[in-house]
Amino acid sequence: MAFHRTRAAAKPLGAFNNWITRRAWVSLVPFSIEVTAEEAALQIASQRMSIEMDRLDILDLSPKEQEMLGEELERARTIPLQIIPFGQCDLDDIKTHCMEQVRLYGTRLVIIDHAKYITLPGKANELFSERVNALYRGLKSIAKELHITIIILIQRNDGWKKRDNPRPIDGDLYGGGSVKQSMDVLVALYRPEPLLEDKLATATTPKEKERLTRALDGFVRDDNSVKEGCRGKAWFINLKRRRGKPKKDETVRFNARYTRFESIQKEQGALL
């Protein structure tokens, strides 16, 4: 992974645990208001042990599973992962924390969960999009100065609810589509299954219900070829790559039971 870059991803922090557990050599610092270090460790254990989080929460485990959990939690302590809880803060606060982590641990990767919890620079009477752009430029400046990579997690706005196709686009970004210019890499994690299920539950016409069911479960075309549905799948959608053309979208499996993303290739069966 190249440094000196600011990246944005529309996805929850928990999804990075697949990545974290396979690259323990990276010193990683998430800033999060929602996830504690203990919760991250349990989620990593859930993904690696294939045990549901609700069972881990109440320790509904067999003696063998308890032994495995102890080993996984001990392993989690060796991962160079520092989670910094934060509420409303500004760019100076972020920079101070990053400088300290770089000095103490040689940190090279910072994840911010997520952008809306950082106080926007500028004045209240300035355009919102301009202030958000200033925020992203400030984070990029920190990344370059400290020789680190910053990944910004972004929950998209409600604009997609007004479209027939909920697939992520630039305009769904926090701050609007114009803030894309501040990003070096922009990737959206898209899982349409829950969105289509919600629409199916409120569909009023047989035609609409059939369309949504086909999108979820797939169907056989007139030429007997199979169009697969979206159940249990997610897509990494590459919206921008400053250096070179964006790579093609990647399809992965989403195992909701363990909140785990997996390779779509059955022969690999690997965590991402």
C-alpha atoms as a PDB file:
ATOM      1  CA  MET A   1       0.000   0.000   0.000  1.00  0.00           C
ATOM      2  CA  ALA A   2       1.422   3.370  -0.998  1.00  0.00           C
ATOM      3  CA  PHE A   3       1.829   6.056   1.637  1.00  0.00           C
ATOM      4  CA  HIS A   4       1.266   9.837   1.327  1.00  0.00           C
ATOM      5  CA  ARG A   5      -2.328   9.221   0.270  1.00  0.00           C
ATOM      6  CA  THR A   6      -5.763  10.065   1.511  1.00  0.00           C
ATOM      7  CA  ARG A   7      -8.331   7.405   0.703  1.00  0.00           C
ATOM      8  CA  ALA A   8     -12.054   7.246   1.296  1.00  0.00           C
ATOM      9  CA  ALA A   9     -14.218   4.181   1.735  1.00  0.00           C
ATOM     10  CA  ALA A  10     -17.952   3.987   2.337  1.00  0.00           C
ATOM     11  CA  LYS A  11     -17.924   1.085   4.756  1.00  0.00           C
ATOM     12  CA  PRO A  12     -18.014   0.357   8.515  1.00  0.00           C
ATOM     13  CA  LEU A  13     -14.841  -0.025  10.566  1.00  0.00           C
ATOM     14  CA  GLY A  14     -15.672  -3.644  11.444  1.00  0.00           C
ATOM     15  CA  ALA A  15     -15.191  -4.738   7.843  1.00  0.00           C
ATOM     16  CA  PHE A  16     -11.487  -3.842   8.091  1.00  0.00           C
ATOM     17  CA  ASN A  17     -10.968  -6.583  10.664  1.00  0.00           C
ATOM     18  CA  ASN A  18     -10.697  -9.131   7.843  1.00  0.00           C
ATOM     19  CA  TRP A  19      -7.799  -7.092   6.500  1.00  0.00           C
ATOM     20  CA  ILE A  20      -6.251  -6.410   9.916  1.00  0.00           C
ATOM     21  CA  THR A  21      -5.959 -10.059  10.922  1.00  0.00           C
ATOM     22  CA  ARG A  22      -4.032 -10.936   7.752  1.00  0.00           C
ATOM     23  CA  ARG A  23      -1.580  -8.004   7.827  1.00  0.00           C
ATOM     24  CA  ALA A  24      -0.458  -7.776  11.441  1.00  0.00           C
ATOM     25  CA  TRP A  25       2.844  -6.131  10.416  1.00  0.00           C
ATOM     26  CA  VAL A  26       1.052  -2.852   9.726  1.00  0.00           C
ATOM     27  CA  SER A  27       0.888  -0.468  12.676  1.00  0.00           C
ATOM     28  CA  LEU A  28      -2.730   0.646  12.507  1.00  0.00           C
ATOM     29  CA  VAL A  29      -4.580   3.399  14.359  1.00  0.00           C
ATOM     30  CA  PRO A  30      -8.336   3.762  13.916  1.00  0.00           C
ATOM     31  CA  PHE A  31     -10.054   6.845  15.334  1.00  0.00           C
ATOM     32  CA  SER A  32     -13.556   5.675  16.230  1.00  0.00           C
ATOM     33  CA  ILE A  33     -16.457   6.926  18.326  1.00  0.00           C
ATOM     34  CA  GLU A  34     -18.378   3.650  18.001  1.00  0.00           C
ATOM     35  CA  VAL A  35     -15.869   0.770  18.282  1.00  0.00           C
ATOM     36  CA  THR A  36     -13.680   0.062  21.326  1.00  0.00           C
ATOM     37  CA  ALA A  37     -10.502  -2.026  21.325  1.00  0.00           C
ATOM     38  CA  GLU A  38     -12.339  -4.790  23.208  1.00  0.00           C
ATOM     39  CA  GLU A  39     -15.141  -4.859  20.627  1.00  0.00           C
ATOM     40  CA  ALA A  40     -12.639  -4.974  17.761  1.00  0.00           C
ATOM     41  CA  ALA A  41     -10.788  -7.881  19.397  1.00  0.00           C
ATOM     42  CA  LEU A  42     -14.036  -9.825  19.846  1.00  0.00           C
ATOM     43  CA  GLN A  43     -15.079  -9.200  16.258  1.00  0.00           C
ATOM     44  CA  ILE A  44     -11.696 -10.394  14.998  1.00  0.00           C
ATOM     45  CA  ALA A  45     -12.088 -13.523  17.140  1.00  0.00           C
ATOM     46  CA  SER A  46     -15.627 -14.069  15.823  1.00  0.00           C
ATOM     47  CA  GLN A  47     -14.437 -13.879  12.222  1.00  0.00           C
ATOM     48  CA  ARG A  48     -11.446 -16.167  12.727  1.00  0.00           C
ATOM     49  CA  MET A  49     -13.264 -18.742  14.897  1.00  0.00           C
ATOM     50  CA  SER A  50     -16.532 -18.688  12.908  1.00  0.00           C
ATOM     51  CA  ILE A  51     -18.568 -18.092  16.066  1.00  0.00           C
ATOM     52  CA  GLU A  52     -21.486 -15.651  16.120  1.00  0.00           C
ATOM     53  CA  MET A  53     -20.917 -12.369  17.962  1.00  0.00           C
ATOM     54  CA  ASP A  54     -24.081 -12.784  20.068  1.00  0.00           C
ATOM     55  CA  ARG A  55     -22.626 -16.028  21.472  1.00  0.00           C
ATOM     56  CA  LEU A  56     -19.334 -14.331  22.241  1.00  0.00           C
ATOM     57  CA  ASP A  57     -21.123 -11.446  23.954  1.00  0.00           C
ATOM     58  CA  ILE A  58     -22.713 -13.789  26.503  1.00  0.00           C
ATOM     59  CA  LEU A  59     -19.846 -16.341  26.466  1.00  0.00           C
ATOM     60  CA  ASP A  60     -22.184 -19.127  25.324  1.00  0.00           C
ATOM     61  CA  LEU A  61     -19.212 -21.320  24.435  1.00  0.00           C
ATOM     62  CA  SER A  62     -18.110 -24.894  24.872  1.00  0.00           C
ATOM     63  CA  PRO A  63     -14.879 -25.564  26.840  1.00  0.00           C
ATOM     64  CA  LYS A  64     -13.026 -26.059  23.549  1.00  0.00           C
ATOM     65  CA  GLU A  65     -14.379 -22.785  22.148  1.00  0.00           C
ATOM     66  CA  GLN A  66     -13.428 -20.965  25.350  1.00  0.00           C
ATOM     67  CA  GLU A  67      -9.879 -22.235  24.942  1.00  0.00           C
ATOM     68  CA  MET A  68      -9.849 -21.081  21.306  1.00  0.00           C
ATOM     69  CA  LEU A  69     -11.211 -17.670  22.334  1.00  0.00           C
ATOM     70  CA  GLY A  70      -8.434 -17.248  24.868  1.00  0.00           C
ATOM     71  CA  GLU A  71      -5.850 -18.024  22.195  1.00  0.00           C
ATOM     72  CA  GLU A  72      -7.428 -15.599  19.727  1.00  0.00           C
ATOM     73  CA  LEU A  73      -7.643 -12.767  22.266  1.00  0.00           C
ATOM     74  CA  GLU A  74      -4.012 -13.380  23.216  1.00  0.00           C
ATOM     75  CA  ARG A  75      -3.116 -13.211  19.537  1.00  0.00           C
ATOM     76  CA  ALA A  76      -5.127  -9.983  19.168  1.00  0.00           C
ATOM     77  CA  ARG A  77      -2.881  -8.349  21.768  1.00  0.00           C
ATOM     78  CA  THR A  78       0.072  -8.812  19.410  1.00  0.00           C
ATOM     79  CA  ILE A  79      -1.629  -6.927  16.570  1.00  0.00           C
ATOM     80  CA  PRO A  80      -0.233  -3.360  16.367  1.00  0.00           C
ATOM     81  CA  LEU A  81      -3.713  -1.865  16.667  1.00  0.00           C
ATOM     82  CA  GLN A  82      -4.397   1.251  18.714  1.00  0.00           C
ATOM     83  CA  ILE A  83      -8.025   2.443  18.724  1.00  0.00           C
ATOM     84  CA  ILE A  84      -8.417   6.059  19.784  1.00  0.00           C
ATOM     85  CA  PRO A  85     -11.956   6.985  20.920  1.00  0.00           C
ATOM     86  CA  PHE A  86     -12.973  10.450  19.817  1.00  0.00           C
ATOM     87  CA  GLY A  87     -16.067  12.595  19.636  1.00  0.00           C
ATOM     88  CA  GLN A  88     -16.050  16.049  18.120  1.00  0.00           C
ATOM     89  CA  CYS A  89     -12.463  17.023  17.342  1.00  0.00           C
ATOM     90  CA  ASP A  90     -10.668  19.152  14.774  1.00  0.00           C
ATOM     91  CA  LEU A  91      -7.719  18.699  12.427  1.00  0.00           C
ATOM     92  CA  ASP A  92      -5.246  19.836  15.072  1.00  0.00           C
ATOM     93  CA  ASP A  93      -6.476  17.115  17.437  1.00  0.00           C
ATOM     94  CA  ILE A  94      -6.140  14.476  14.702  1.00  0.00           C
ATOM     95  CA  LYS A  95      -2.628  15.667  13.856  1.00  0.00           C
ATOM     96  CA  THR A  96      -1.533  15.611  17.498  1.00  0.00           C
ATOM     97  CA  HIS A  97      -2.744  12.028  17.949  1.00  0.00           C
ATOM     98  CA  CYS A  98      -1.138  10.913  14.685  1.00  0.00           C
ATOM     99  CA  MET A  99       2.206  12.482  15.578  1.00  0.00           C
ATOM    100  CA  GLU A 100       2.192  10.707  18.925  1.00  0.00           C
ATOM    101  CA  GLN A 101       1.340   7.323  17.368  1.00  0.00           C
ATOM    102  CA  VAL A 102       4.039   7.716  14.710  1.00  0.00           C
ATOM    103  CA  ARG A 103       6.593   8.592  17.390  1.00  0.00           C
ATOM    104  CA  LEU A 104       5.631   5.769  19.775  1.00  0.00           C
ATOM    105  CA  TYR A 105       4.741   2.953  17.386  1.00  0.00           C
ATOM    106  CA  GLY A 106       5.954   3.916  13.926  1.00  0.00           C
ATOM    107  CA  THR A 107       2.335   4.001  12.759  1.00  0.00           C
ATOM    108  CA  ARG A 108       1.856   4.025   8.993  1.00  0.00           C
ATOM    109  CA  LEU A 109      -1.893   3.571   8.590  1.00  0.00           C
ATOM    110  CA  VAL A 110      -4.676   5.637  10.188  1.00  0.00           C
ATOM    111  CA  ILE A 111      -8.409   4.982   9.768  1.00  0.00           C
ATOM    112  CA  ILE A 112     -10.964   7.645  10.699  1.00  0.00           C
ATOM    113  CA  ASP A 113     -14.479   6.416  11.539  1.00  0.00           C
ATOM    114  CA  HIS A 114     -15.875   8.630  10.297  1.00  0.00           C
ATOM    115  CA  ALA A 115     -15.509  12.072   8.705  1.00  0.00           C
ATOM    116  CA  LYS A 116     -18.661  13.696  10.096  1.00  0.00           C
ATOM    117  CA  TYR A 117     -17.275  13.540  13.641  1.00  0.00           C
ATOM    118  CA  ILE A 118     -14.464  15.938  12.777  1.00  0.00           C
ATOM    119  CA  THR A 119     -15.249  19.624  13.258  1.00  0.00           C
ATOM    120  CA  LEU A 120     -15.221  21.279   9.844  1.00  0.00           C
ATOM    121  CA  PRO A 121     -12.697  24.040   9.231  1.00  0.00           C
ATOM    122  CA  GLY A 122     -13.870  27.432   8.021  1.00  0.00           C
ATOM    123  CA  LYS A 123     -16.816  29.593   9.003  1.00  0.00           C
ATOM    124  CA  ALA A 124     -20.445  28.566   9.370  1.00  0.00           C
ATOM    125  CA  ASN A 125     -21.547  30.895   6.554  1.00  0.00           C
ATOM    126  CA  GLU A 126     -19.244  29.201   4.016  1.00  0.00           C
ATOM    127  CA  LEU A 127     -20.528  26.543   1.638  1.00  0.00           C
ATOM    128  CA  PHE A 128     -20.761  23.143   3.293  1.00  0.00           C
ATOM    129  CA  SER A 129     -19.033  21.387   0.393  1.00  0.00           C
ATOM    130  CA  GLU A 130     -16.108  23.821   0.538  1.00  0.00           C
ATOM    131  CA  ARG A 131     -15.650  23.205   4.266  1.00  0.00           C
ATOM    132  CA  VAL A 132     -15.723  19.429   3.761  1.00  0.00           C
ATOM    133  CA  ASN A 133     -13.177  19.794   0.953  1.00  0.00           C
ATOM    134  CA  ALA A 134     -10.976  21.812   3.315  1.00  0.00           C
ATOM    135  CA  LEU A 135     -11.262  18.987   5.852  1.00  0.00           C
ATOM    136  CA  TYR A 136     -10.115  16.354   3.363  1.00  0.00           C
ATOM    137  CA  ARG A 137      -7.274  18.587   2.149  1.00  0.00           C
ATOM    138  CA  GLY A 138      -6.195  19.052   5.774  1.00  0.00           C
ATOM    139  CA  LEU A 139      -6.123  15.289   6.325  1.00  0.00           C
ATOM    140  CA  LYS A 140      -4.116  14.846   3.132  1.00  0.00           C
ATOM    141  CA  SER A 141      -1.622  17.431   4.380  1.00  0.00           C
ATOM    142  CA  ILE A 142      -1.232  15.477   7.638  1.00  0.00           C
ATOM    143  CA  ALA A 143      -0.693  12.239   5.701  1.00  0.00           C
ATOM    144  CA  LYS A 144       2.042  13.794   3.564  1.00  0.00           C
ATOM    145  CA  GLU A 145       3.789  15.488   6.467  1.00  0.00           C
ATOM    146  CA  LEU A 146       3.897  12.342   8.631  1.00  0.00           C
ATOM    147  CA  HIS A 147       4.452   9.868   5.759  1.00  0.00           C
ATOM    148  CA  ILE A 148       1.338   7.863   6.591  1.00  0.00           C
ATOM    149  CA  THR A 149      -1.774   6.683   4.764  1.00  0.00           C
ATOM    150  CA  ILE A 150      -5.133   7.929   6.028  1.00  0.00           C
ATOM    151  CA  ILE A 151      -8.302   6.031   5.186  1.00  0.00           C
ATOM    152  CA  ILE A 152     -11.486   8.007   5.812  1.00  0.00           C
ATOM    153  CA  LEU A 153     -14.674   6.022   6.341  1.00  0.00           C
ATOM    154  CA  ILE A 154     -17.764   7.791   5.008  1.00  0.00           C
ATOM    155  CA  GLN A 155     -21.423   6.930   5.411  1.00  0.00           C
ATOM    156  CA  ARG A 156     -23.150   8.089   2.287  1.00  0.00           C
ATOM    157  CA  ASN A 157     -25.962  10.640   2.352  1.00  0.00           C
ATOM    158  CA  ASP A 158     -29.639   9.912   1.638  1.00  0.00           C
ATOM    159  CA  GLY A 159     -29.471  10.874  -2.027  1.00  0.00           C
ATOM    160  CA  TRP A 160     -29.534   7.214  -3.097  1.00  0.00           C
ATOM    161  CA  LYS A 161     -33.035   6.809  -1.633  1.00  0.00           C
ATOM    162  CA  LYS A 162     -34.399   9.012  -4.421  1.00  0.00           C
ATOM    163  CA  ARG A 163     -32.928   6.831  -7.187  1.00  0.00           C
ATOM    164  CA  ASP A 164     -34.230   3.581  -8.645  1.00  0.00           C
ATOM    165  CA  ASN A 165     -30.699   2.208  -8.661  1.00  0.00           C
ATOM    166  CA  PRO A 166     -29.088   2.520  -5.197  1.00  0.00           C
ATOM    167  CA  ARG A 167     -25.598   1.733  -6.482  1.00  0.00           C
ATOM    168  CA  PRO A 168     -23.137   4.256  -4.956  1.00  0.00           C
ATOM    169  CA  ILE A 169     -22.109   7.289  -7.009  1.00  0.00           C
ATOM    170  CA  ASP A 170     -19.926  10.330  -6.336  1.00  0.00           C
ATOM    171  CA  GLY A 171     -22.897  12.429  -5.258  1.00  0.00           C
ATOM    172  CA  ASP A 172     -23.537  10.144  -2.268  1.00  0.00           C
ATOM    173  CA  LEU A 173     -20.375  11.361  -0.544  1.00  0.00           C
ATOM    174  CA  TYR A 174     -20.423  13.324   2.689  1.00  0.00           C
ATOM    175  CA  GLY A 175     -20.091  16.855   1.332  1.00  0.00           C
ATOM    176  CA  GLY A 176     -21.362  15.974  -2.149  1.00  0.00           C
ATOM    177  CA  GLY A 177     -19.711  14.799  -5.332  1.00  0.00           C
ATOM    178  CA  SER A 178     -17.366  17.775  -5.604  1.00  0.00           C
ATOM    179  CA  VAL A 179     -15.257  16.555  -2.651  1.00  0.00           C
ATOM    180  CA  LYS A 180     -14.085  13.660  -4.816  1.00  0.00           C
ATOM    181  CA  GLN A 181     -11.356  15.935  -6.162  1.00  0.00           C
ATOM    182  CA  SER A 182      -9.599  15.830  -2.777  1.00  0.00           C
ATOM    183  CA  MET A 183      -9.323  12.021  -2.782  1.00  0.00           C
ATOM    184  CA  ASP A 184      -6.492   9.979  -4.236  1.00  0.00           C
ATOM    185  CA  VAL A 185      -8.501   6.757  -4.098  1.00  0.00           C
ATOM    186  CA  LEU A 186     -12.253   6.392  -3.615  1.00  0.00           C
ATOM    187  CA  VAL A 187     -13.817   2.969  -3.054  1.00  0.00           C
ATOM    188  CA  ALA A 188     -17.414   2.168  -2.116  1.00  0.00           C
ATOM    189  CA  LEU A 189     -18.442  -1.056  -0.403  1.00  0.00           C
ATOM    190  CA  TYR A 190     -21.880  -1.882  -1.788  1.00  0.00           C
ATOM    191  CA  ARG A 191     -24.189  -4.583  -0.445  1.00  0.00           C
ATOM    192  CA  PRO A 192     -27.576  -4.201  -2.175  1.00  0.00           C
ATOM    193  CA  GLU A 193     -29.279  -7.170  -0.483  1.00  0.00           C
ATOM    194  CA  PRO A 194     -30.699  -5.321   2.572  1.00  0.00           C
ATOM    195  CA  LEU A 195     -31.763  -2.368   0.406  1.00  0.00           C
ATOM    196  CA  LEU A 196     -33.667  -4.591  -2.029  1.00  0.00           C
ATOM    197  CA  GLU A 197     -35.234  -6.592   0.804  1.00  0.00           C
ATOM    198  CA  ASP A 198     -36.579  -3.369   2.312  1.00  0.00           C
ATOM    199  CA  LYS A 199     -38.049  -2.384  -1.057  1.00  0.00           C
ATOM    200  CA  LEU A 200     -39.528  -5.852  -1.535  1.00  0.00           C
ATOM    201  CA  ALA A 201     -41.264  -5.637   1.838  1.00  0.00           C
ATOM    202  CA  THR A 202     -43.076  -2.460   0.753  1.00  0.00           C
ATOM    203  CA  ALA A 203     -43.642  -3.299  -2.932  1.00  0.00           C
ATOM    204  CA  THR A 204     -47.304  -2.999  -3.916  1.00  0.00           C
ATOM    205  CA  THR A 205     -47.484  -4.441  -7.438  1.00  0.00           C
ATOM    206  CA  PRO A 206     -46.757  -7.999  -8.650  1.00  0.00           C
ATOM    207  CA  LYS A 207     -44.433  -6.615 -11.335  1.00  0.00           C
ATOM    208  CA  GLU A 208     -42.340  -4.724  -8.808  1.00  0.00           C
ATOM    209  CA  LYS A 209     -42.195  -7.721  -6.468  1.00  0.00           C
ATOM    210  CA  GLU A 210     -41.053  -9.962  -9.323  1.00  0.00           C
ATOM    211  CA  ARG A 211     -38.343  -7.499 -10.370  1.00  0.00           C
ATOM    212  CA  LEU A 212     -36.948  -7.256  -6.847  1.00  0.00           C
ATOM    213  CA  THR A 213     -37.106 -11.009  -6.279  1.00  0.00           C
ATOM    214  CA  ARG A 214     -35.184 -11.636  -9.510  1.00  0.00           C
ATOM    215  CA  ALA A 215     -32.558  -9.096  -8.464  1.00  0.00           C
ATOM    216  CA  LEU A 216     -32.160 -10.839  -5.103  1.00  0.00           C
ATOM    217  CA  ASP A 217     -32.357 -14.498  -6.135  1.00  0.00           C
ATOM    218  CA  GLY A 218     -31.341 -14.414  -9.791  1.00  0.00           C
ATOM    219  CA  PHE A 219     -33.128 -15.964 -12.749  1.00  0.00           C
ATOM    220  CA  VAL A 220     -32.645 -17.937 -15.936  1.00  0.00           C
ATOM    221  CA  ARG A 221     -32.534 -15.850 -19.106  1.00  0.00           C
ATOM    222  CA  ASP A 222     -34.312 -16.769 -22.344  1.00  0.00           C
ATOM    223  CA  ASP A 223     -31.059 -18.238 -23.698  1.00  0.00           C
ATOM    224  CA  ASN A 224     -30.838 -20.487 -20.587  1.00  0.00           C
ATOM    225  CA  SER A 225     -27.910 -18.550 -19.162  1.00  0.00           C
ATOM    226  CA  VAL A 226     -28.129 -17.801 -15.454  1.00  0.00           C
ATOM    227  CA  LYS A 227     -28.202 -14.289 -14.040  1.00  0.00           C
ATOM    228  CA  GLU A 228     -27.031 -14.576 -10.441  1.00  0.00           C
ATOM    229  CA  GLY A 229     -28.759 -12.634  -7.687  1.00  0.00           C
ATOM    230  CA  CYS A 230     -27.113 -10.453  -5.075  1.00  0.00           C
ATOM    231  CA  ARG A 231     -27.876 -12.458  -1.936  1.00  0.00           C
ATOM    232  CA  GLY A 232     -24.777 -12.956   0.169  1.00  0.00           C
ATOM    233  CA  LYS A 233     -22.636 -10.744  -2.051  1.00  0.00           C
ATOM    234  CA  ALA A 234     -20.954  -7.373  -1.830  1.00  0.00           C
ATOM    235  CA  TRP A 235     -19.050  -5.235  -4.304  1.00  0.00           C
ATOM    236  CA  PHE A 236     -15.987  -3.053  -3.936  1.00  0.00           C
ATOM    237  CA  ILE A 237     -16.736  -0.279  -6.424  1.00  0.00           C
ATOM    238  CA  ASN A 238     -13.719   1.728  -7.545  1.00  0.00           C
ATOM    239  CA  LEU A 239     -14.940   5.282  -8.075  1.00  0.00           C
ATOM    240  CA  LYS A 240     -11.569   7.008  -8.390  1.00  0.00           C
ATOM    241  CA  ARG A 241      -7.873   6.276  -8.615  1.00  0.00           C
ATOM    242  CA  ARG A 242      -5.686   9.345  -9.076  1.00  0.00           C
ATOM    243  CA  ARG A 243      -2.753   7.404 -10.508  1.00  0.00           C
ATOM    244  CA  GLY A 244      -3.938   5.278 -13.360  1.00  0.00           C
ATOM    245  CA  LYS A 245      -7.402   4.073 -14.311  1.00  0.00           C
ATOM    246  CA  PRO A 246      -9.667   2.668 -11.568  1.00  0.00           C
ATOM    247  CA  LYS A 247      -9.542  -1.100 -11.322  1.00  0.00           C
ATOM    248  CA  LYS A 248     -12.645  -3.089 -12.169  1.00  0.00           C
ATOM    249  CA  ASP A 249     -15.174  -3.698  -9.410  1.00  0.00           C
ATOM    250  CA  GLU A 250     -14.481  -6.695  -7.180  1.00  0.00           C
ATOM    251  CA  THR A 251     -17.206  -9.087  -6.033  1.00  0.00           C
ATOM    252  CA  VAL A 252     -16.900 -10.778  -2.627  1.00  0.00           C
ATOM    253  CA  ARG A 253     -19.110 -12.925  -0.448  1.00  0.00           C
ATOM    254  CA  PHE A 254     -20.588 -11.448   2.695  1.00  0.00           C
ATOM    255  CA  ASN A 255     -21.077 -13.904   5.539  1.00  0.00           C
ATOM    256  CA  ALA A 256     -23.593 -12.069   7.701  1.00  0.00           C
ATOM    257  CA  ARG A 257     -23.391 -14.722  10.395  1.00  0.00           C
ATOM    258  CA  TYR A 258     -19.853 -13.654  11.270  1.00  0.00           C
ATOM    259  CA  THR A 259     -19.788 -10.170   9.652  1.00  0.00           C
ATOM    260  CA  ARG A 260     -17.091 -11.535   7.376  1.00  0.00           C
ATOM    261  CA  PHE A 261     -16.125 -10.776   3.794  1.00  0.00           C
ATOM    262  CA  GLU A 262     -14.686 -13.740   1.898  1.00  0.00           C
ATOM    263  CA  SER A 263     -13.152 -14.491  -1.462  1.00  0.00           C
ATOM    264  CA  ILE A 264     -15.745 -15.228  -4.141  1.00  0.00           C
ATOM    265  CA  GLN A 265     -13.517 -18.022  -5.447  1.00  0.00           C
ATOM    266  CA  LYS A 266     -14.611 -21.208  -3.726  1.00  0.00           C
ATOM    267  CA  GLU A 267     -11.251 -22.871  -4.190  1.00  0.00           C
ATOM    268  CA  GLN A 268      -9.542 -20.118  -2.205  1.00  0.00           C
ATOM    269  CA  GLY A 269     -12.066 -19.703   0.594  1.00  0.00           C
ATOM    270  CA  ALA A 270      -9.868 -17.013   2.122  1.00  0.00           C
ATOM    271  CA  LEU A 271     -10.721 -14.052   4.277  1.00  0.00           C
ATOM    272  CA  LEU A 272     -10.029 -10.738   2.627  1.00  0.00           C
END
